[in-house]
Amino acid sequence: MTRSTKAVLLSAFVFPGVGHFFLKKYISAVVLAGAAFGGLYYLLTTMVERALQITAKIQTGEIPLDVVGITELVSKQATGTEAQLQNMATAVFIICWLIGIVDSCRAGRAQDKDIEAP
């Protein structure tokens, strides 16, 4: 298996930037992984915050312990600035992932050519 193939698989199935770490492209790896981690961190903290708010409402009795009521709260979509931030964080994460895959393929092919050349 070539280095480019391994790098692409690592970037695609592990996390953005891992393929670059494999190729020893550390600056690119840190930038991609950092940006992707930032977007993922925002999304996860938002979800946990929403879950804690729903749990607090259940504990105080604002909403009954009913599947229908809880499902409505969980499926309620964010609006305004919060929705824009969630969309931006999602876009950053997906774009970093795609860039990681494409760029690790490009960098891996360049390294493969360097190895093959006498």
C-alpha atoms as a PDB file:
ATOM      1  CA  MET A   1       0.000   0.000   0.000  1.00  0.00           C
ATOM      2  CA  THR A   2       1.436   3.375  -0.966  1.00  0.00           C
ATOM      3  CA  ARG A   3       1.993   6.236   1.453  1.00  0.00           C
ATOM      4  CA  SER A   4      -0.674   8.306  -0.302  1.00  0.00           C
ATOM      5  CA  THR A   5      -3.257   5.555   0.127  1.00  0.00           C
ATOM      6  CA  LYS A   6      -2.437   5.154   3.819  1.00  0.00           C
ATOM      7  CA  ALA A   7      -2.579   8.915   4.351  1.00  0.00           C
ATOM      8  CA  VAL A   8      -5.945   9.198   2.599  1.00  0.00           C
ATOM      9  CA  LEU A   9      -7.399   6.340   4.628  1.00  0.00           C
ATOM     10  CA  LEU A  10      -6.134   7.851   7.872  1.00  0.00           C
ATOM     11  CA  SER A  11      -7.561  11.261   6.982  1.00  0.00           C
ATOM     12  CA  ALA A  12     -10.865   9.802   5.831  1.00  0.00           C
ATOM     13  CA  PHE A  13     -11.551   7.304   8.613  1.00  0.00           C
ATOM     14  CA  VAL A  14      -9.692   8.561  11.688  1.00  0.00           C
ATOM     15  CA  PHE A  15      -9.685  12.371  11.873  1.00  0.00           C
ATOM     16  CA  PRO A  16      -8.687  15.299   9.662  1.00  0.00           C
ATOM     17  CA  GLY A  17      -4.945  15.875   9.836  1.00  0.00           C
ATOM     18  CA  VAL A  18      -3.941  12.337  10.833  1.00  0.00           C
ATOM     19  CA  GLY A  19      -2.866  11.571   7.284  1.00  0.00           C
ATOM     20  CA  HIS A  20      -0.668  14.658   7.350  1.00  0.00           C
ATOM     21  CA  PHE A  21       0.918  13.510  10.609  1.00  0.00           C
ATOM     22  CA  PHE A  22       1.650  10.192   8.892  1.00  0.00           C
ATOM     23  CA  LEU A  23       3.296  12.070   6.018  1.00  0.00           C
ATOM     24  CA  LYS A  24       5.258  14.212   8.507  1.00  0.00           C
ATOM     25  CA  LYS A  25       3.534  17.397   7.350  1.00  0.00           C
ATOM     26  CA  TYR A  26       3.138  18.654  10.901  1.00  0.00           C
ATOM     27  CA  ILE A  27       2.067  22.244  10.292  1.00  0.00           C
ATOM     28  CA  SER A  28      -0.718  21.218   7.919  1.00  0.00           C
ATOM     29  CA  ALA A  29      -1.714  18.461  10.331  1.00  0.00           C
ATOM     30  CA  VAL A  30      -1.978  20.811  13.291  1.00  0.00           C
ATOM     31  CA  VAL A  31      -3.959  23.413  11.326  1.00  0.00           C
ATOM     32  CA  LEU A  32      -6.424  20.866   9.937  1.00  0.00           C
ATOM     33  CA  ALA A  33      -6.821  18.949  13.185  1.00  0.00           C
ATOM     34  CA  GLY A  34      -7.116  22.142  15.217  1.00  0.00           C
ATOM     35  CA  ALA A  35      -9.795  23.666  13.010  1.00  0.00           C
ATOM     36  CA  ALA A  36     -11.727  20.397  12.828  1.00  0.00           C
ATOM     37  CA  PHE A  37     -11.437  19.905  16.578  1.00  0.00           C
ATOM     38  CA  GLY A  38     -12.666  23.461  17.187  1.00  0.00           C
ATOM     39  CA  GLY A  39     -15.771  22.897  15.082  1.00  0.00           C
ATOM     40  CA  LEU A  40     -16.425  19.511  16.651  1.00  0.00           C
ATOM     41  CA  TYR A  41     -15.881  20.899  20.150  1.00  0.00           C
ATOM     42  CA  TYR A  42     -18.448  23.645  19.564  1.00  0.00           C
ATOM     43  CA  LEU A  43     -21.005  21.180  18.227  1.00  0.00           C
ATOM     44  CA  LEU A  44     -20.532  18.753  21.098  1.00  0.00           C
ATOM     45  CA  THR A  45     -20.655  21.419  23.816  1.00  0.00           C
ATOM     46  CA  THR A  46     -23.838  22.809  22.267  1.00  0.00           C
ATOM     47  CA  MET A  47     -25.457  19.367  22.302  1.00  0.00           C
ATOM     48  CA  VAL A  48     -24.418  18.673  25.878  1.00  0.00           C
ATOM     49  CA  GLU A  49     -25.684  22.089  26.968  1.00  0.00           C
ATOM     50  CA  ARG A  50     -29.058  21.416  25.335  1.00  0.00           C
ATOM     51  CA  ALA A  51     -29.252  17.976  26.983  1.00  0.00           C
ATOM     52  CA  LEU A  52     -28.503  19.521  30.379  1.00  0.00           C
ATOM     53  CA  GLN A  53     -31.219  22.148  29.866  1.00  0.00           C
ATOM     54  CA  ILE A  54     -33.771  19.460  29.009  1.00  0.00           C
ATOM     55  CA  THR A  55     -32.686  17.415  32.017  1.00  0.00           C
ATOM     56  CA  ALA A  56     -33.105  20.448  34.275  1.00  0.00           C
ATOM     57  CA  LYS A  57     -36.606  21.057  32.908  1.00  0.00           C
ATOM     58  CA  ILE A  58     -37.528  17.446  33.585  1.00  0.00           C
ATOM     59  CA  GLN A  59     -36.172  17.615  37.132  1.00  0.00           C
ATOM     60  CA  THR A  60     -38.000  20.859  37.959  1.00  0.00           C
ATOM     61  CA  GLY A  61     -41.239  19.508  36.515  1.00  0.00           C
ATOM     62  CA  GLU A  62     -41.569  22.055  33.703  1.00  0.00           C
ATOM     63  CA  ILE A  63     -42.063  19.194  31.298  1.00  0.00           C
ATOM     64  CA  PRO A  64     -43.528  15.848  32.248  1.00  0.00           C
ATOM     65  CA  LEU A  65     -41.490  12.687  32.055  1.00  0.00           C
ATOM     66  CA  ASP A  66     -43.126  11.850  28.751  1.00  0.00           C
ATOM     67  CA  VAL A  67     -41.487  10.587  25.594  1.00  0.00           C
ATOM     68  CA  VAL A  68     -43.503  12.912  23.363  1.00  0.00           C
ATOM     69  CA  GLY A  69     -42.578  16.068  25.296  1.00  0.00           C
ATOM     70  CA  ILE A  70     -38.921  15.157  25.521  1.00  0.00           C
ATOM     71  CA  THR A  71     -38.810  14.262  21.828  1.00  0.00           C
ATOM     72  CA  GLU A  72     -40.268  17.652  20.926  1.00  0.00           C
ATOM     73  CA  LEU A  73     -37.595  19.443  22.930  1.00  0.00           C
ATOM     74  CA  VAL A  74     -34.784  17.328  21.524  1.00  0.00           C
ATOM     75  CA  SER A  75     -35.906  17.763  17.921  1.00  0.00           C
ATOM     76  CA  LYS A  76     -36.493  21.510  18.309  1.00  0.00           C
ATOM     77  CA  GLN A  77     -34.112  23.286  15.945  1.00  0.00           C
ATOM     78  CA  ALA A  78     -31.918  26.165  16.963  1.00  0.00           C
ATOM     79  CA  THR A  79     -32.789  29.602  15.618  1.00  0.00           C
ATOM     80  CA  GLY A  80     -30.974  32.848  14.973  1.00  0.00           C
ATOM     81  CA  THR A  81     -27.334  33.245  15.899  1.00  0.00           C
ATOM     82  CA  GLU A  82     -27.118  29.829  17.520  1.00  0.00           C
ATOM     83  CA  ALA A  83     -28.233  28.130  14.313  1.00  0.00           C
ATOM     84  CA  GLN A  84     -25.731  30.136  12.269  1.00  0.00           C
ATOM     85  CA  LEU A  85     -22.906  29.197  14.624  1.00  0.00           C
ATOM     86  CA  GLN A  86     -23.870  25.537  14.491  1.00  0.00           C
ATOM     87  CA  ASN A  87     -23.978  25.652  10.692  1.00  0.00           C
ATOM     88  CA  MET A  88     -20.578  27.349  10.560  1.00  0.00           C
ATOM     89  CA  ALA A  89     -19.051  24.816  12.959  1.00  0.00           C
ATOM     90  CA  THR A  90     -20.473  21.968  10.894  1.00  0.00           C
ATOM     91  CA  ALA A  91     -19.151  23.520   7.682  1.00  0.00           C
ATOM     92  CA  VAL A  92     -15.687  24.024   9.200  1.00  0.00           C
ATOM     93  CA  PHE A  93     -15.571  20.416  10.336  1.00  0.00           C
ATOM     94  CA  ILE A  94     -16.700  18.993   6.976  1.00  0.00           C
ATOM     95  CA  ILE A  95     -14.450  21.288   4.947  1.00  0.00           C
ATOM     96  CA  CYS A  96     -11.435  20.384   7.101  1.00  0.00           C
ATOM     97  CA  TRP A  97     -12.229  16.718   6.617  1.00  0.00           C
ATOM     98  CA  LEU A  98     -12.473  17.061   2.841  1.00  0.00           C
ATOM     99  CA  ILE A  99      -9.349  19.205   2.607  1.00  0.00           C
ATOM    100  CA  GLY A 100      -7.519  16.676   4.759  1.00  0.00           C
ATOM    101  CA  ILE A 101      -8.447  13.847   2.434  1.00  0.00           C
ATOM    102  CA  VAL A 102      -7.603  15.669  -0.796  1.00  0.00           C
ATOM    103  CA  ASP A 103      -4.410  17.287   0.448  1.00  0.00           C
ATOM    104  CA  SER A 104      -3.075  14.122   2.079  1.00  0.00           C
ATOM    105  CA  CYS A 105      -3.595  12.375  -1.265  1.00  0.00           C
ATOM    106  CA  ARG A 106      -1.696  15.142  -3.049  1.00  0.00           C
ATOM    107  CA  ALA A 107       1.145  15.234  -0.516  1.00  0.00           C
ATOM    108  CA  GLY A 108       1.317  11.445  -0.376  1.00  0.00           C
ATOM    109  CA  ARG A 109       1.598  11.169  -4.154  1.00  0.00           C
ATOM    110  CA  ALA A 110       4.409  13.722  -4.139  1.00  0.00           C
ATOM    111  CA  GLN A 111       6.247  11.671  -1.510  1.00  0.00           C
ATOM    112  CA  ASP A 112       5.591   8.470  -3.456  1.00  0.00           C
ATOM    113  CA  LYS A 113       7.159  10.060  -6.548  1.00  0.00           C
ATOM    114  CA  ASP A 114      10.180  11.154  -4.493  1.00  0.00           C
ATOM    115  CA  ILE A 115      10.652   7.629  -3.195  1.00  0.00           C
ATOM    116  CA  GLU A 116      10.360   6.075  -6.680  1.00  0.00           C
ATOM    117  CA  ALA A 117      12.760   8.524  -8.298  1.00  0.00           C
ATOM    118  CA  PRO A 118      16.395   7.291  -8.228  1.00  0.00           C
END
